[in-house]
Amino acid sequence: MTVQLTPYLAFRDQTREAFDFYASVFGGSPTFSTFGEFGVGTPDEAEKVMHGQLQTPSGLLLMGADRPDSYPLEEASSISLSLFGGPDDADALTGWFEALAVGGTVHEALAQAPWGDSFGMLDDRYGQHWMVNIGGAAA
């Protein structure tokens, strides 16, 4: 068996919009299942996303869902999504950082860090926190 760890993002009611945005950044086509399709939740929640998934051409996998109104949704999170790679990945990682930043808040611009890599942090337009690290050339 192969075990995987993937982020499962929580939204109040923006999963569809957010995953369409992430598809524009990373590629791929998101898929969605609603609460109504499975006969769960209230009638007002029937169109909310019970499960969303985006598998990208580069192998990234994001999952997420809208939280039912009766479930809490914390505004701040201690989770960061981390994208990292080496010099060969610099163009892709830089492009993703720039695309995720549109409409969001850059906390640290993507630039050379004290440890020699390029590093940046941002919150995207949906409040998800991202860190991007591009490893420097091997010495």
N, C-alpha and C. Protein backbone atom coordinates (compact mmCIF):
# COMPACT_ATOMS: atom_id res chain seq x y z
N MET A 1 0.84 -1.18 0.00
CA MET A 1 0.00 0.00 0.00
C MET A 1 0.88 1.24 0.00
N THR A 2 0.51 2.24 -0.77
CA THR A 2 1.21 3.51 -0.80
C THR A 2 0.39 4.53 -0.02
N VAL A 3 0.97 5.10 1.00
CA VAL A 3 0.30 6.11 1.82
C VAL A 3 0.68 7.48 1.29
N GLN A 4 -0.29 8.37 1.21
CA GLN A 4 -0.05 9.73 0.77
C GLN A 4 -0.56 10.70 1.82
N LEU A 5 0.05 11.85 1.89
CA LEU A 5 -0.41 12.95 2.74
C LEU A 5 -0.74 14.10 1.80
N THR A 6 -1.95 14.61 1.88
CA THR A 6 -2.34 15.71 1.02
C THR A 6 -3.15 16.73 1.82
N PRO A 7 -3.00 18.00 1.50
CA PRO A 7 -3.81 18.99 2.22
C PRO A 7 -5.28 18.83 1.87
N TYR A 8 -6.13 19.00 2.89
CA TYR A 8 -7.58 19.00 2.71
C TYR A 8 -8.05 20.35 3.23
N LEU A 9 -8.37 21.25 2.32
CA LEU A 9 -8.66 22.63 2.65
C LEU A 9 -10.13 22.81 3.01
N ALA A 10 -10.38 23.65 3.99
CA ALA A 10 -11.75 23.91 4.45
C ALA A 10 -12.16 25.34 4.07
N PHE A 11 -13.37 25.45 3.54
CA PHE A 11 -13.95 26.73 3.18
C PHE A 11 -15.38 26.76 3.71
N ARG A 12 -15.94 27.93 3.86
CA ARG A 12 -17.35 28.02 4.26
C ARG A 12 -18.22 27.68 3.05
N ASP A 13 -17.97 28.33 1.91
CA ASP A 13 -18.75 28.04 0.71
C ASP A 13 -18.01 28.48 -0.55
N GLN A 14 -16.68 28.41 -0.53
CA GLN A 14 -15.88 28.87 -1.66
C GLN A 14 -15.04 27.77 -2.31
N THR A 15 -15.29 26.51 -1.99
CA THR A 15 -14.44 25.44 -2.53
C THR A 15 -14.44 25.44 -4.04
N ARG A 16 -15.60 25.52 -4.65
CA ARG A 16 -15.67 25.47 -6.12
C ARG A 16 -14.86 26.62 -6.73
N GLU A 17 -15.08 27.83 -6.24
CA GLU A 17 -14.37 29.01 -6.74
C GLU A 17 -12.87 28.89 -6.50
N ALA A 18 -12.49 28.47 -5.30
CA ALA A 18 -11.07 28.35 -4.96
C ALA A 18 -10.38 27.29 -5.83
N PHE A 19 -11.03 26.15 -6.01
CA PHE A 19 -10.40 25.08 -6.79
C PHE A 19 -10.34 25.43 -8.27
N ASP A 20 -11.28 26.20 -8.78
CA ASP A 20 -11.16 26.70 -10.15
C ASP A 20 -9.96 27.64 -10.25
N PHE A 21 -9.75 28.46 -9.22
CA PHE A 21 -8.57 29.34 -9.18
C PHE A 21 -7.29 28.49 -9.12
N TYR A 22 -7.23 27.49 -8.24
CA TYR A 22 -6.04 26.66 -8.14
C TYR A 22 -5.77 25.92 -9.45
N ALA A 23 -6.81 25.53 -10.16
CA ALA A 23 -6.62 24.89 -11.46
C ALA A 23 -6.00 25.88 -12.46
N SER A 24 -6.38 27.15 -12.37
CA SER A 24 -5.79 28.16 -13.26
C SER A 24 -4.32 28.39 -12.93
N VAL A 25 -3.94 28.16 -11.68
CA VAL A 25 -2.55 28.32 -11.25
C VAL A 25 -1.72 27.08 -11.60
N PHE A 26 -2.21 25.91 -11.22
CA PHE A 26 -1.42 24.68 -11.30
C PHE A 26 -1.76 23.79 -12.49
N GLY A 27 -2.88 24.04 -13.15
CA GLY A 27 -3.34 23.15 -14.22
C GLY A 27 -4.25 22.08 -13.66
N GLY A 28 -4.82 21.29 -14.55
CA GLY A 28 -5.73 20.23 -14.14
C GLY A 28 -7.16 20.71 -14.13
N SER A 29 -8.06 19.79 -13.89
CA SER A 29 -9.50 20.08 -13.84
C SER A 29 -10.07 19.57 -12.53
N PRO A 30 -10.60 20.45 -11.70
CA PRO A 30 -11.15 19.99 -10.42
C PRO A 30 -12.43 19.19 -10.61
N THR A 31 -12.68 18.30 -9.67
CA THR A 31 -13.93 17.55 -9.63
C THR A 31 -14.62 17.87 -8.31
N PHE A 32 -15.95 17.80 -8.33
CA PHE A 32 -16.73 18.17 -7.15
C PHE A 32 -17.88 17.21 -6.95
N SER A 33 -18.19 16.93 -5.69
CA SER A 33 -19.40 16.24 -5.27
C SER A 33 -20.09 17.14 -4.26
N THR A 34 -21.40 17.25 -4.35
CA THR A 34 -22.13 18.13 -3.44
C THR A 34 -22.81 17.34 -2.34
N PHE A 35 -23.18 18.05 -1.28
CA PHE A 35 -23.93 17.43 -0.19
C PHE A 35 -25.26 16.87 -0.72
N GLY A 36 -25.89 17.62 -1.63
CA GLY A 36 -27.16 17.18 -2.19
C GLY A 36 -27.07 15.87 -2.94
N GLU A 37 -25.97 15.65 -3.63
CA GLU A 37 -25.79 14.39 -4.37
C GLU A 37 -25.82 13.18 -3.44
N PHE A 38 -25.41 13.37 -2.21
CA PHE A 38 -25.36 12.28 -1.24
C PHE A 38 -26.50 12.33 -0.24
N GLY A 39 -27.41 13.31 -0.41
CA GLY A 39 -28.57 13.40 0.46
C GLY A 39 -28.24 13.75 1.90
N VAL A 40 -27.18 14.52 2.10
CA VAL A 40 -26.81 14.93 3.46
C VAL A 40 -26.86 16.44 3.57
N GLY A 41 -26.91 16.93 4.80
CA GLY A 41 -26.95 18.36 5.03
C GLY A 41 -28.37 18.89 4.92
N THR A 42 -28.49 20.18 5.05
CA THR A 42 -29.79 20.83 4.96
C THR A 42 -30.08 21.17 3.50
N PRO A 43 -31.34 21.45 3.17
CA PRO A 43 -31.65 21.84 1.79
C PRO A 43 -30.86 23.07 1.33
N ASP A 44 -30.58 23.99 2.25
CA ASP A 44 -29.80 25.19 1.89
C ASP A 44 -28.35 24.85 1.56
N GLU A 45 -27.89 23.68 2.01
CA GLU A 45 -26.49 23.29 1.78
C GLU A 45 -26.33 22.31 0.62
N ALA A 46 -27.40 22.02 -0.08
CA ALA A 46 -27.37 20.99 -1.12
C ALA A 46 -26.31 21.24 -2.19
N GLU A 47 -26.05 22.49 -2.53
CA GLU A 47 -25.08 22.81 -3.57
C GLU A 47 -23.67 23.02 -3.04
N LYS A 48 -23.52 22.98 -1.72
CA LYS A 48 -22.17 23.10 -1.16
C LYS A 48 -21.34 21.88 -1.55
N VAL A 49 -20.04 22.10 -1.66
CA VAL A 49 -19.14 21.02 -2.06
C VAL A 49 -18.82 20.14 -0.86
N MET A 50 -19.20 18.88 -0.95
CA MET A 50 -18.88 17.91 0.09
C MET A 50 -17.45 17.39 -0.09
N HIS A 51 -16.99 17.31 -1.34
CA HIS A 51 -15.61 16.92 -1.64
C HIS A 51 -15.21 17.51 -2.97
N GLY A 52 -14.07 18.21 -2.95
CA GLY A 52 -13.46 18.73 -4.17
C GLY A 52 -12.06 18.19 -4.27
N GLN A 53 -11.62 17.99 -5.50
CA GLN A 53 -10.28 17.43 -5.69
C GLN A 53 -9.66 18.01 -6.96
N LEU A 54 -8.38 18.31 -6.87
CA LEU A 54 -7.62 18.78 -8.03
C LEU A 54 -6.32 17.99 -8.11
N GLN A 55 -6.19 17.21 -9.16
CA GLN A 55 -4.94 16.50 -9.47
C GLN A 55 -4.31 17.29 -10.61
N THR A 56 -3.07 17.76 -10.42
CA THR A 56 -2.44 18.60 -11.42
C THR A 56 -1.51 17.78 -12.32
N PRO A 57 -1.20 18.31 -13.50
CA PRO A 57 -0.27 17.62 -14.39
C PRO A 57 1.11 17.40 -13.76
N SER A 58 1.50 18.24 -12.81
CA SER A 58 2.82 18.10 -12.17
C SER A 58 2.79 17.15 -10.98
N GLY A 59 1.62 16.57 -10.69
CA GLY A 59 1.54 15.58 -9.62
C GLY A 59 1.05 16.11 -8.28
N LEU A 60 0.72 17.41 -8.20
CA LEU A 60 0.18 17.94 -6.95
C LEU A 60 -1.26 17.47 -6.78
N LEU A 61 -1.66 17.25 -5.55
CA LEU A 61 -3.02 16.85 -5.24
C LEU A 61 -3.56 17.72 -4.12
N LEU A 62 -4.64 18.43 -4.40
CA LEU A 62 -5.34 19.22 -3.39
C LEU A 62 -6.73 18.66 -3.24
N MET A 63 -7.20 18.62 -2.01
CA MET A 63 -8.58 18.24 -1.72
C MET A 63 -9.18 19.29 -0.81
N GLY A 64 -10.51 19.38 -0.80
CA GLY A 64 -11.15 20.35 0.07
C GLY A 64 -12.65 20.21 0.05
N ALA A 65 -13.30 20.98 0.92
CA ALA A 65 -14.76 20.93 1.03
C ALA A 65 -15.27 22.20 1.68
N ASP A 66 -16.56 22.46 1.42
CA ASP A 66 -17.27 23.52 2.13
C ASP A 66 -17.70 22.95 3.48
N ARG A 67 -17.56 23.72 4.52
CA ARG A 67 -18.02 23.28 5.84
C ARG A 67 -19.51 23.52 5.96
N PRO A 68 -20.24 22.56 6.49
CA PRO A 68 -21.67 22.82 6.77
C PRO A 68 -21.79 24.01 7.72
N ASP A 69 -22.91 24.69 7.65
CA ASP A 69 -23.11 25.88 8.48
C ASP A 69 -23.02 25.57 9.97
N SER A 70 -23.33 24.35 10.36
CA SER A 70 -23.31 23.98 11.78
C SER A 70 -21.90 23.65 12.29
N TYR A 71 -20.92 23.59 11.40
CA TYR A 71 -19.54 23.28 11.78
C TYR A 71 -18.75 24.58 11.92
N PRO A 72 -17.86 24.65 12.89
CA PRO A 72 -17.03 25.85 13.01
C PRO A 72 -16.01 25.91 11.87
N LEU A 73 -15.62 27.11 11.52
CA LEU A 73 -14.56 27.32 10.54
C LEU A 73 -13.65 28.40 11.11
N GLU A 74 -12.49 27.99 11.53
CA GLU A 74 -11.53 28.93 12.12
C GLU A 74 -11.00 29.86 11.04
N GLU A 75 -10.93 31.14 11.35
CA GLU A 75 -10.42 32.11 10.40
C GLU A 75 -8.91 31.98 10.21
N ALA A 76 -8.19 31.80 11.30
CA ALA A 76 -6.74 31.68 11.22
C ALA A 76 -6.35 30.21 11.34
N SER A 77 -5.28 29.84 10.69
CA SER A 77 -4.85 28.45 10.71
C SER A 77 -3.37 28.37 10.99
N SER A 78 -2.97 27.31 11.61
CA SER A 78 -1.54 27.08 11.85
C SER A 78 -0.95 26.20 10.77
N ILE A 79 -1.69 25.96 9.70
CA ILE A 79 -1.24 25.12 8.60
C ILE A 79 -0.74 26.01 7.46
N SER A 80 0.40 25.64 6.89
CA SER A 80 0.91 26.28 5.69
C SER A 80 1.05 25.24 4.61
N LEU A 81 0.73 25.62 3.40
CA LEU A 81 0.96 24.76 2.24
C LEU A 81 2.35 25.10 1.72
N SER A 82 3.20 24.12 1.57
CA SER A 82 4.59 24.35 1.20
C SER A 82 4.87 23.76 -0.17
N LEU A 83 5.36 24.59 -1.07
CA LEU A 83 5.81 24.16 -2.38
C LEU A 83 7.33 24.31 -2.39
N PHE A 84 8.04 23.26 -2.74
CA PHE A 84 9.49 23.37 -2.76
C PHE A 84 10.07 22.52 -3.87
N GLY A 85 11.21 22.94 -4.34
CA GLY A 85 11.91 22.23 -5.40
C GLY A 85 13.30 22.81 -5.54
N GLY A 86 13.98 22.35 -6.56
CA GLY A 86 15.35 22.79 -6.80
C GLY A 86 15.44 23.78 -7.94
N PRO A 87 16.66 24.09 -8.36
CA PRO A 87 16.86 25.07 -9.42
C PRO A 87 16.10 24.74 -10.71
N ASP A 88 15.96 23.46 -11.02
CA ASP A 88 15.24 23.07 -12.24
C ASP A 88 13.76 23.40 -12.16
N ASP A 89 13.24 23.62 -10.96
CA ASP A 89 11.82 23.92 -10.74
C ASP A 89 11.56 25.41 -10.56
N ALA A 90 12.61 26.23 -10.68
CA ALA A 90 12.50 27.65 -10.34
C ALA A 90 11.43 28.37 -11.16
N ASP A 91 11.35 28.11 -12.45
CA ASP A 91 10.36 28.81 -13.27
C ASP A 91 8.94 28.46 -12.84
N ALA A 92 8.67 27.17 -12.63
CA ALA A 92 7.33 26.75 -12.21
C ALA A 92 6.98 27.32 -10.84
N LEU A 93 7.90 27.19 -9.89
CA LEU A 93 7.62 27.68 -8.53
C LEU A 93 7.44 29.18 -8.49
N THR A 94 8.25 29.91 -9.25
CA THR A 94 8.12 31.37 -9.30
C THR A 94 6.77 31.76 -9.91
N GLY A 95 6.39 31.08 -11.00
CA GLY A 95 5.10 31.35 -11.63
C GLY A 95 3.93 31.06 -10.71
N TRP A 96 4.02 29.95 -9.97
CA TRP A 96 2.95 29.61 -9.04
C TRP A 96 2.86 30.64 -7.92
N PHE A 97 4.01 31.06 -7.38
CA PHE A 97 4.02 32.08 -6.33
C PHE A 97 3.32 33.34 -6.83
N GLU A 98 3.71 33.79 -8.02
CA GLU A 98 3.14 35.02 -8.57
C GLU A 98 1.64 34.88 -8.80
N ALA A 99 1.20 33.73 -9.30
CA ALA A 99 -0.22 33.52 -9.57
C ALA A 99 -1.03 33.43 -8.27
N LEU A 100 -0.50 32.74 -7.27
CA LEU A 100 -1.19 32.63 -5.99
C LEU A 100 -1.30 33.99 -5.29
N ALA A 101 -0.36 34.88 -5.56
CA ALA A 101 -0.33 36.19 -4.91
C ALA A 101 -1.41 37.13 -5.44
N VAL A 102 -1.93 36.88 -6.66
CA VAL A 102 -2.92 37.77 -7.24
C VAL A 102 -4.17 37.78 -6.36
N GLY A 103 -4.50 38.96 -5.85
CA GLY A 103 -5.65 39.11 -4.97
C GLY A 103 -5.40 38.68 -3.54
N GLY A 104 -4.19 38.24 -3.25
CA GLY A 104 -3.83 37.80 -1.91
C GLY A 104 -2.90 38.80 -1.22
N THR A 105 -2.20 38.33 -0.20
CA THR A 105 -1.29 39.17 0.56
C THR A 105 0.07 38.49 0.62
N VAL A 106 1.08 39.16 0.08
CA VAL A 106 2.44 38.64 0.15
C VAL A 106 3.04 39.08 1.48
N HIS A 107 3.45 38.13 2.29
CA HIS A 107 4.07 38.44 3.57
C HIS A 107 5.58 38.54 3.45
N GLU A 108 6.13 37.76 2.55
CA GLU A 108 7.57 37.81 2.28
C GLU A 108 7.75 37.54 0.79
N ALA A 109 8.28 38.52 0.08
CA ALA A 109 8.49 38.37 -1.36
C ALA A 109 9.45 37.22 -1.63
N LEU A 110 9.26 36.57 -2.75
CA LEU A 110 10.14 35.48 -3.16
C LEU A 110 11.50 36.08 -3.50
N ALA A 111 12.48 35.80 -2.64
CA ALA A 111 13.82 36.39 -2.79
C ALA A 111 14.83 35.47 -2.09
N GLN A 112 16.09 35.75 -2.30
CA GLN A 112 17.12 34.93 -1.68
C GLN A 112 17.03 35.05 -0.16
N ALA A 113 17.01 33.90 0.49
CA ALA A 113 16.91 33.83 1.95
C ALA A 113 18.30 33.65 2.55
N PRO A 114 18.43 33.87 3.87
CA PRO A 114 19.73 33.73 4.52
C PRO A 114 20.36 32.34 4.34
N TRP A 115 19.56 31.30 4.14
CA TRP A 115 20.11 29.96 3.98
C TRP A 115 20.52 29.66 2.53
N GLY A 116 20.37 30.66 1.63
CA GLY A 116 20.84 30.50 0.27
C GLY A 116 19.79 30.15 -0.77
N ASP A 117 18.65 29.66 -0.33
CA ASP A 117 17.56 29.35 -1.26
C ASP A 117 16.73 30.61 -1.51
N SER A 118 15.87 30.56 -2.49
CA SER A 118 14.86 31.61 -2.66
C SER A 118 13.63 31.16 -1.88
N PHE A 119 13.02 32.10 -1.16
CA PHE A 119 11.90 31.76 -0.28
C PHE A 119 10.92 32.92 -0.27
N GLY A 120 9.62 32.58 -0.20
CA GLY A 120 8.58 33.58 -0.08
C GLY A 120 7.36 33.00 0.62
N MET A 121 6.54 33.87 1.21
CA MET A 121 5.32 33.46 1.90
C MET A 121 4.18 34.39 1.50
N LEU A 122 2.99 33.80 1.39
CA LEU A 122 1.81 34.61 1.07
C LEU A 122 0.55 33.92 1.55
N ASP A 123 -0.51 34.72 1.68
CA ASP A 123 -1.86 34.20 1.88
C ASP A 123 -2.58 34.46 0.57
N ASP A 124 -3.18 33.42 -0.03
CA ASP A 124 -3.89 33.63 -1.28
C ASP A 124 -5.22 34.32 -1.03
N ARG A 125 -5.95 34.60 -2.07
CA ARG A 125 -7.22 35.35 -1.96
C ARG A 125 -8.27 34.61 -1.15
N TYR A 126 -8.04 33.32 -0.85
CA TYR A 126 -8.99 32.54 -0.05
C TYR A 126 -8.49 32.32 1.38
N GLY A 127 -7.39 33.00 1.74
CA GLY A 127 -6.88 32.93 3.10
C GLY A 127 -5.98 31.75 3.38
N GLN A 128 -5.64 30.96 2.35
CA GLN A 128 -4.73 29.83 2.55
C GLN A 128 -3.29 30.35 2.54
N HIS A 129 -2.50 29.87 3.50
CA HIS A 129 -1.12 30.31 3.66
C HIS A 129 -0.19 29.39 2.86
N TRP A 130 0.67 29.98 2.04
CA TRP A 130 1.60 29.25 1.18
C TRP A 130 3.03 29.68 1.47
N MET A 131 3.94 28.72 1.45
CA MET A 131 5.37 28.99 1.52
C MET A 131 5.99 28.35 0.27
N VAL A 132 6.87 29.07 -0.39
CA VAL A 132 7.55 28.57 -1.58
C VAL A 132 9.05 28.65 -1.33
N ASN A 133 9.74 27.53 -1.57
CA ASN A 133 11.19 27.47 -1.40
C ASN A 133 11.80 26.87 -2.66
N ILE A 134 12.77 27.60 -3.23
CA ILE A 134 13.51 27.12 -4.39
C ILE A 134 14.94 26.90 -3.95
N GLY A 135 15.35 25.64 -3.90
CA GLY A 135 16.71 25.32 -3.47
C GLY A 135 17.75 25.91 -4.40
N GLY A 136 18.85 26.34 -3.80
CA GLY A 136 19.94 26.89 -4.58
C GLY A 136 20.71 25.79 -5.30
N ALA A 137 21.54 26.20 -6.23
CA ALA A 137 22.37 25.23 -6.95
C ALA A 137 23.29 24.52 -5.99
N ALA A 138 23.51 23.23 -6.20
CA ALA A 138 24.41 22.46 -5.34
C ALA A 138 25.81 23.04 -5.39
N ALA A 139 26.45 23.08 -4.24
CA ALA A 139 27.81 23.64 -4.15
C ALA A 139 28.81 22.68 -4.76
